[in-house]
Amino acid sequence: MSDRSARERILEAAAERIASDGIDAVRIARIAMDARVSTALVHYHFATREALLAQALEYSFETAGDVRDSEGDPVTRLRAMIDQCLPLPGELERDWVLWVELWLRAVRHPELRPTAAKLYARMNRWFRDAIEEGGFDAVDSAAVADRTLALIDGFGVRALLGDPDMPLERARAEVWDALAGDLGLHAGARSG
């Protein structure tokens, strides 16, 4: 197998293991076993746990890119984008756990902060592009994207934690209502 496919297997195994066990409990030997590679190869690609976490997050972001290419009218596209950013069961929930791990580690390990900033910038650009391409006039797309991401983070954490007052459906509705308001959509499009 090529080095690239081994690296991808390592990243996938790391993402799964970090999400299930937490970064502090992750053992390189276990990731190597899950990826069917040697521990030496894991160490070759990733010098530290922080580097492994950063790359696993970027890998998750990249592999979710297929879904991120939402199509349809601007409103449908933005609704789908919100769904792709909330901790829906499955891979999106796993990705959320990785994000939480990044947030916690970046507070204590400044070398992870650029990774967080880079991923947020990409998410912001994704929302800005959708807003601008949607033809929403007189809107500061960067500010709307930042507010939308902040709402997704706040409501998403509560939904991920199983807060009974913030199920996923409510989180989705709250984020959409705020975004629709920012975009000046009429009441029917806001609630529909």
C-alpha atoms as a PDB file:
ATOM      1  CA  MET A   1       0.000   0.000   0.000  1.00  0.00           C
ATOM      2  CA  SER A   2       1.140   3.510  -0.676  1.00  0.00           C
ATOM      3  CA  ASP A   3       2.323   5.856   2.041  1.00  0.00           C
ATOM      4  CA  ARG A   4      -0.632   8.140   1.304  1.00  0.00           C
ATOM      5  CA  SER A   5      -3.233   5.441   1.891  1.00  0.00           C
ATOM      6  CA  ALA A   6      -1.478   4.447   5.126  1.00  0.00           C
ATOM      7  CA  ARG A   7      -1.556   8.082   6.258  1.00  0.00           C
ATOM      8  CA  GLU A   8      -5.276   8.299   5.481  1.00  0.00           C
ATOM      9  CA  ARG A   9      -5.916   5.107   7.429  1.00  0.00           C
ATOM     10  CA  ILE A  10      -3.963   6.557  10.361  1.00  0.00           C
ATOM     11  CA  LEU A  11      -5.987   9.777  10.244  1.00  0.00           C
ATOM     12  CA  GLU A  12      -9.297   7.922  10.055  1.00  0.00           C
ATOM     13  CA  ALA A  13      -8.286   5.642  12.931  1.00  0.00           C
ATOM     14  CA  ALA A  14      -7.091   8.636  14.953  1.00  0.00           C
ATOM     15  CA  ALA A  15     -10.334  10.528  14.365  1.00  0.00           C
ATOM     16  CA  GLU A  16     -12.387   7.540  15.482  1.00  0.00           C
ATOM     17  CA  ARG A  17     -10.203   6.830  18.502  1.00  0.00           C
ATOM     18  CA  ILE A  18      -9.965  10.466  19.648  1.00  0.00           C
ATOM     19  CA  ALA A  19     -13.737  10.857  19.349  1.00  0.00           C
ATOM     20  CA  SER A  20     -14.432   7.677  21.290  1.00  0.00           C
ATOM     21  CA  ASP A  21     -11.682   7.821  23.942  1.00  0.00           C
ATOM     22  CA  GLY A  22     -10.521  11.455  24.093  1.00  0.00           C
ATOM     23  CA  ILE A  23      -7.068  12.668  23.085  1.00  0.00           C
ATOM     24  CA  ASP A  24      -5.523  12.031  26.508  1.00  0.00           C
ATOM     25  CA  ALA A  25      -6.570   8.379  26.488  1.00  0.00           C
ATOM     26  CA  VAL A  26      -5.423   7.723  22.928  1.00  0.00           C
ATOM     27  CA  ARG A  27      -2.473   5.397  22.565  1.00  0.00           C
ATOM     28  CA  ILE A  28      -0.378   5.493  19.425  1.00  0.00           C
ATOM     29  CA  ALA A  29      -0.123   1.707  19.501  1.00  0.00           C
ATOM     30  CA  ARG A  30      -3.918   1.417  19.396  1.00  0.00           C
ATOM     31  CA  ILE A  31      -4.186   3.838  16.472  1.00  0.00           C
ATOM     32  CA  ALA A  32      -1.485   1.880  14.648  1.00  0.00           C
ATOM     33  CA  MET A  33      -3.391  -1.349  15.253  1.00  0.00           C
ATOM     34  CA  ASP A  34      -6.675   0.206  14.083  1.00  0.00           C
ATOM     35  CA  ALA A  35      -4.974   1.563  10.947  1.00  0.00           C
ATOM     36  CA  ARG A  36      -3.053  -1.677  10.328  1.00  0.00           C
ATOM     37  CA  VAL A  37       0.327   0.077  10.327  1.00  0.00           C
ATOM     38  CA  SER A  38       3.372   0.095  12.581  1.00  0.00           C
ATOM     39  CA  THR A  39       3.698   2.496  15.504  1.00  0.00           C
ATOM     40  CA  ALA A  40       6.882   3.749  13.856  1.00  0.00           C
ATOM     41  CA  LEU A  41       4.860   4.855  10.836  1.00  0.00           C
ATOM     42  CA  VAL A  42       2.397   6.734  13.057  1.00  0.00           C
ATOM     43  CA  HIS A  43       5.310   8.484  14.797  1.00  0.00           C
ATOM     44  CA  TYR A  44       6.872   9.231  11.417  1.00  0.00           C
ATOM     45  CA  HIS A  45       3.772  11.161  10.322  1.00  0.00           C
ATOM     46  CA  PHE A  46       2.862  12.748  13.672  1.00  0.00           C
ATOM     47  CA  ALA A  47       5.449  13.902  16.196  1.00  0.00           C
ATOM     48  CA  THR A  48       2.951  14.744  18.960  1.00  0.00           C
ATOM     49  CA  ARG A  49      -0.625  14.044  20.041  1.00  0.00           C
ATOM     50  CA  GLU A  50      -1.434  17.660  19.255  1.00  0.00           C
ATOM     51  CA  ALA A  51      -0.178  17.234  15.692  1.00  0.00           C
ATOM     52  CA  LEU A  52      -2.252  14.074  15.379  1.00  0.00           C
ATOM     53  CA  LEU A  53      -5.372  15.860  16.682  1.00  0.00           C
ATOM     54  CA  ALA A  54      -4.831  18.827  14.362  1.00  0.00           C
ATOM     55  CA  GLN A  55      -4.385  16.621  11.317  1.00  0.00           C
ATOM     56  CA  ALA A  56      -7.308  14.349  12.273  1.00  0.00           C
ATOM     57  CA  LEU A  57      -9.547  17.426  12.459  1.00  0.00           C
ATOM     58  CA  GLU A  58      -8.359  18.729   9.110  1.00  0.00           C
ATOM     59  CA  TYR A  59      -8.855  15.263   7.637  1.00  0.00           C
ATOM     60  CA  SER A  60     -12.422  15.124   8.977  1.00  0.00           C
ATOM     61  CA  PHE A  61     -13.096  18.573   7.566  1.00  0.00           C
ATOM     62  CA  GLU A  62     -11.745  17.552   4.159  1.00  0.00           C
ATOM     63  CA  THR A  63     -13.668  14.277   3.987  1.00  0.00           C
ATOM     64  CA  ALA A  64     -16.878  16.100   4.908  1.00  0.00           C
ATOM     65  CA  GLY A  65     -16.259  18.356   1.905  1.00  0.00           C
ATOM     66  CA  ASP A  66     -18.233  16.075  -0.380  1.00  0.00           C
ATOM     67  CA  VAL A  67     -21.346  16.784   1.637  1.00  0.00           C
ATOM     68  CA  ARG A  68     -20.497  20.468   1.976  1.00  0.00           C
ATOM     69  CA  ASP A  69     -21.012  21.034  -1.722  1.00  0.00           C
ATOM     70  CA  SER A  70     -24.709  21.688  -1.192  1.00  0.00           C
ATOM     71  CA  GLU A  71     -26.848  22.427  -4.199  1.00  0.00           C
ATOM     72  CA  GLY A  72     -30.244  23.914  -4.770  1.00  0.00           C
ATOM     73  CA  ASP A  73     -31.719  27.351  -4.304  1.00  0.00           C
ATOM     74  CA  PRO A  74     -29.894  29.634  -1.817  1.00  0.00           C
ATOM     75  CA  VAL A  75     -32.331  28.981   1.038  1.00  0.00           C
ATOM     76  CA  THR A  76     -32.170  25.189   0.619  1.00  0.00           C
ATOM     77  CA  ARG A  77     -28.391  25.361   0.380  1.00  0.00           C
ATOM     78  CA  LEU A  78     -28.054  27.385   3.596  1.00  0.00           C
ATOM     79  CA  ARG A  79     -30.435  25.067   5.454  1.00  0.00           C
ATOM     80  CA  ALA A  80     -28.352  22.069   4.359  1.00  0.00           C
ATOM     81  CA  MET A  81     -25.184  23.840   5.469  1.00  0.00           C
ATOM     82  CA  ILE A  82     -26.602  24.367   8.952  1.00  0.00           C
ATOM     83  CA  ASP A  83     -27.428  20.662   9.117  1.00  0.00           C
ATOM     84  CA  GLN A  84     -23.868  19.816   8.106  1.00  0.00           C
ATOM     85  CA  CYS A  85     -22.557  21.917  10.985  1.00  0.00           C
ATOM     86  CA  LEU A  86     -24.702  20.500  13.778  1.00  0.00           C
ATOM     87  CA  PRO A  87     -23.850  17.314  15.719  1.00  0.00           C
ATOM     88  CA  LEU A  88     -26.243  15.018  13.890  1.00  0.00           C
ATOM     89  CA  PRO A  89     -25.806  11.340  14.830  1.00  0.00           C
ATOM     90  CA  GLY A  90     -22.973   9.588  13.026  1.00  0.00           C
ATOM     91  CA  GLU A  91     -19.934  11.229  11.497  1.00  0.00           C
ATOM     92  CA  LEU A  92     -21.081  14.759  12.252  1.00  0.00           C
ATOM     93  CA  GLU A  93     -21.416  13.900  15.933  1.00  0.00           C
ATOM     94  CA  ARG A  94     -17.929  12.369  15.820  1.00  0.00           C
ATOM     95  CA  ASP A  95     -16.583  15.512  14.170  1.00  0.00           C
ATOM     96  CA  TRP A  96     -18.164  17.597  16.922  1.00  0.00           C
ATOM     97  CA  VAL A  97     -16.390  15.567  19.577  1.00  0.00           C
ATOM     98  CA  LEU A  98     -13.134  16.244  17.710  1.00  0.00           C
ATOM     99  CA  TRP A  99     -13.936  19.974  17.694  1.00  0.00           C
ATOM    100  CA  VAL A 100     -14.536  19.909  21.453  1.00  0.00           C
ATOM    101  CA  GLU A 101     -11.201  18.124  21.913  1.00  0.00           C
ATOM    102  CA  LEU A 102      -9.551  20.841  19.808  1.00  0.00           C
ATOM    103  CA  TRP A 103     -11.158  23.624  21.837  1.00  0.00           C
ATOM    104  CA  LEU A 104      -9.993  22.079  25.112  1.00  0.00           C
ATOM    105  CA  ARG A 105      -6.466  21.357  23.902  1.00  0.00           C
ATOM    106  CA  ALA A 106      -5.995  24.722  22.194  1.00  0.00           C
ATOM    107  CA  VAL A 107      -6.684  26.505  25.475  1.00  0.00           C
ATOM    108  CA  ARG A 108      -3.653  24.779  27.024  1.00  0.00           C
ATOM    109  CA  HIS A 109      -1.534  24.179  23.929  1.00  0.00           C
ATOM    110  CA  PRO A 110      -1.107  27.400  21.917  1.00  0.00           C
ATOM    111  CA  GLU A 111       0.400  25.478  18.993  1.00  0.00           C
ATOM    112  CA  LEU A 112      -3.137  24.211  18.227  1.00  0.00           C
ATOM    113  CA  ARG A 113      -4.677  27.676  18.015  1.00  0.00           C
ATOM    114  CA  PRO A 114      -3.634  28.243  14.390  1.00  0.00           C
ATOM    115  CA  THR A 115      -5.384  24.983  13.442  1.00  0.00           C
ATOM    116  CA  ALA A 116      -8.595  26.179  15.090  1.00  0.00           C
ATOM    117  CA  ALA A 117      -8.308  29.589  13.424  1.00  0.00           C
ATOM    118  CA  LYS A 118      -7.659  28.000  10.023  1.00  0.00           C
ATOM    119  CA  LEU A 119     -10.677  25.688  10.291  1.00  0.00           C
ATOM    120  CA  TYR A 120     -12.944  28.536  11.428  1.00  0.00           C
ATOM    121  CA  ALA A 121     -11.718  30.686   8.546  1.00  0.00           C
ATOM    122  CA  ARG A 122     -12.626  27.926   6.097  1.00  0.00           C
ATOM    123  CA  MET A 123     -16.082  27.519   7.621  1.00  0.00           C
ATOM    124  CA  ASN A 124     -16.590  31.283   7.549  1.00  0.00           C
ATOM    125  CA  ARG A 125     -15.559  31.407   3.891  1.00  0.00           C
ATOM    126  CA  TRP A 126     -17.983  28.569   3.074  1.00  0.00           C
ATOM    127  CA  PHE A 127     -20.906  30.467   4.626  1.00  0.00           C
ATOM    128  CA  ARG A 128     -19.830  33.816   3.136  1.00  0.00           C
ATOM    129  CA  ASP A 129     -19.639  32.302  -0.332  1.00  0.00           C
ATOM    130  CA  ALA A 130     -23.122  30.790   0.001  1.00  0.00           C
ATOM    131  CA  ILE A 131     -24.551  34.089   1.229  1.00  0.00           C
ATOM    132  CA  GLU A 132     -22.864  36.112  -1.523  1.00  0.00           C
ATOM    133  CA  GLU A 133     -23.747  33.621  -4.255  1.00  0.00           C
ATOM    134  CA  GLY A 134     -27.336  33.586  -2.970  1.00  0.00           C
ATOM    135  CA  GLY A 135     -27.737  37.240  -3.880  1.00  0.00           C
ATOM    136  CA  PHE A 136     -28.746  38.462  -0.439  1.00  0.00           C
ATOM    137  CA  ASP A 137     -28.391  42.220  -0.822  1.00  0.00           C
ATOM    138  CA  ALA A 138     -27.209  44.708   1.797  1.00  0.00           C
ATOM    139  CA  VAL A 139     -25.798  41.980   4.001  1.00  0.00           C
ATOM    140  CA  ASP A 140     -22.354  41.940   5.594  1.00  0.00           C
ATOM    141  CA  SER A 141     -21.663  38.334   4.664  1.00  0.00           C
ATOM    142  CA  ALA A 142     -18.587  38.037   6.912  1.00  0.00           C
ATOM    143  CA  ALA A 143     -20.471  39.262   9.980  1.00  0.00           C
ATOM    144  CA  VAL A 144     -23.485  37.058   9.229  1.00  0.00           C
ATOM    145  CA  ALA A 145     -21.187  34.044   8.759  1.00  0.00           C
ATOM    146  CA  ASP A 146     -19.443  34.742  12.083  1.00  0.00           C
ATOM    147  CA  ARG A 147     -22.757  35.071  13.941  1.00  0.00           C
ATOM    148  CA  THR A 148     -24.084  31.911  12.319  1.00  0.00           C
ATOM    149  CA  LEU A 149     -20.994  29.916  13.299  1.00  0.00           C
ATOM    150  CA  ALA A 150     -21.172  31.262  16.865  1.00  0.00           C
ATOM    151  CA  LEU A 151     -24.815  30.198  17.113  1.00  0.00           C
ATOM    152  CA  ILE A 152     -24.001  26.786  15.665  1.00  0.00           C
ATOM    153  CA  ASP A 153     -21.220  26.359  18.240  1.00  0.00           C
ATOM    154  CA  GLY A 154     -23.381  27.422  21.175  1.00  0.00           C
ATOM    155  CA  PHE A 155     -26.515  25.518  20.276  1.00  0.00           C
ATOM    156  CA  GLY A 156     -24.497  22.584  18.934  1.00  0.00           C
ATOM    157  CA  VAL A 157     -22.625  22.063  22.203  1.00  0.00           C
ATOM    158  CA  ARG A 158     -25.896  21.991  24.111  1.00  0.00           C
ATOM    159  CA  ALA A 159     -27.386  19.498  21.641  1.00  0.00           C
ATOM    160  CA  LEU A 160     -24.233  17.358  21.757  1.00  0.00           C
ATOM    161  CA  LEU A 161     -24.457  17.256  25.551  1.00  0.00           C
ATOM    162  CA  GLY A 162     -28.045  16.065  25.344  1.00  0.00           C
ATOM    163  CA  ASP A 163     -29.497  19.178  26.974  1.00  0.00           C
ATOM    164  CA  PRO A 164     -33.232  18.385  27.129  1.00  0.00           C
ATOM    165  CA  ASP A 165     -34.007  22.041  26.447  1.00  0.00           C
ATOM    166  CA  MET A 166     -31.896  22.036  23.254  1.00  0.00           C
ATOM    167  CA  PRO A 167     -32.609  18.996  21.077  1.00  0.00           C
ATOM    168  CA  LEU A 168     -31.139  19.048  17.578  1.00  0.00           C
ATOM    169  CA  GLU A 169     -34.407  20.144  16.002  1.00  0.00           C
ATOM    170  CA  ARG A 170     -34.567  23.200  18.227  1.00  0.00           C
ATOM    171  CA  ALA A 171     -30.879  23.980  17.610  1.00  0.00           C
ATOM    172  CA  ARG A 172     -31.490  23.777  13.873  1.00  0.00           C
ATOM    173  CA  ALA A 173     -34.574  26.013  14.109  1.00  0.00           C
ATOM    174  CA  GLU A 174     -32.832  28.609  16.305  1.00  0.00           C
ATOM    175  CA  VAL A 175     -29.810  28.897  14.004  1.00  0.00           C
ATOM    176  CA  TRP A 176     -31.970  29.039  10.902  1.00  0.00           C
ATOM    177  CA  ASP A 177     -34.309  31.667  12.363  1.00  0.00           C
ATOM    178  CA  ALA A 178     -31.378  33.928  13.239  1.00  0.00           C
ATOM    179  CA  LEU A 179     -29.734  33.460   9.840  1.00  0.00           C
ATOM    180  CA  ALA A 180     -33.006  34.024   7.983  1.00  0.00           C
ATOM    181  CA  GLY A 181     -33.532  37.210   9.984  1.00  0.00           C
ATOM    182  CA  ASP A 182     -30.025  38.419   9.147  1.00  0.00           C
ATOM    183  CA  LEU A 183     -30.703  37.729   5.467  1.00  0.00           C
ATOM    184  CA  GLY A 184     -34.015  39.598   5.520  1.00  0.00           C
ATOM    185  CA  LEU A 185     -36.069  36.593   4.451  1.00  0.00           C
ATOM    186  CA  HIS A 186     -39.825  36.917   4.731  1.00  0.00           C
ATOM    187  CA  ALA A 187     -41.629  35.111   7.542  1.00  0.00           C
ATOM    188  CA  GLY A 188     -42.632  32.101   5.388  1.00  0.00           C
ATOM    189  CA  ALA A 189     -39.029  31.356   4.400  1.00  0.00           C
ATOM    190  CA  ARG A 190     -37.897  31.845   7.974  1.00  0.00           C
ATOM    191  CA  SER A 191     -40.156  29.206   9.459  1.00  0.00           C
ATOM    192  CA  GLY A 192     -40.735  26.940   6.456  1.00  0.00           C
END
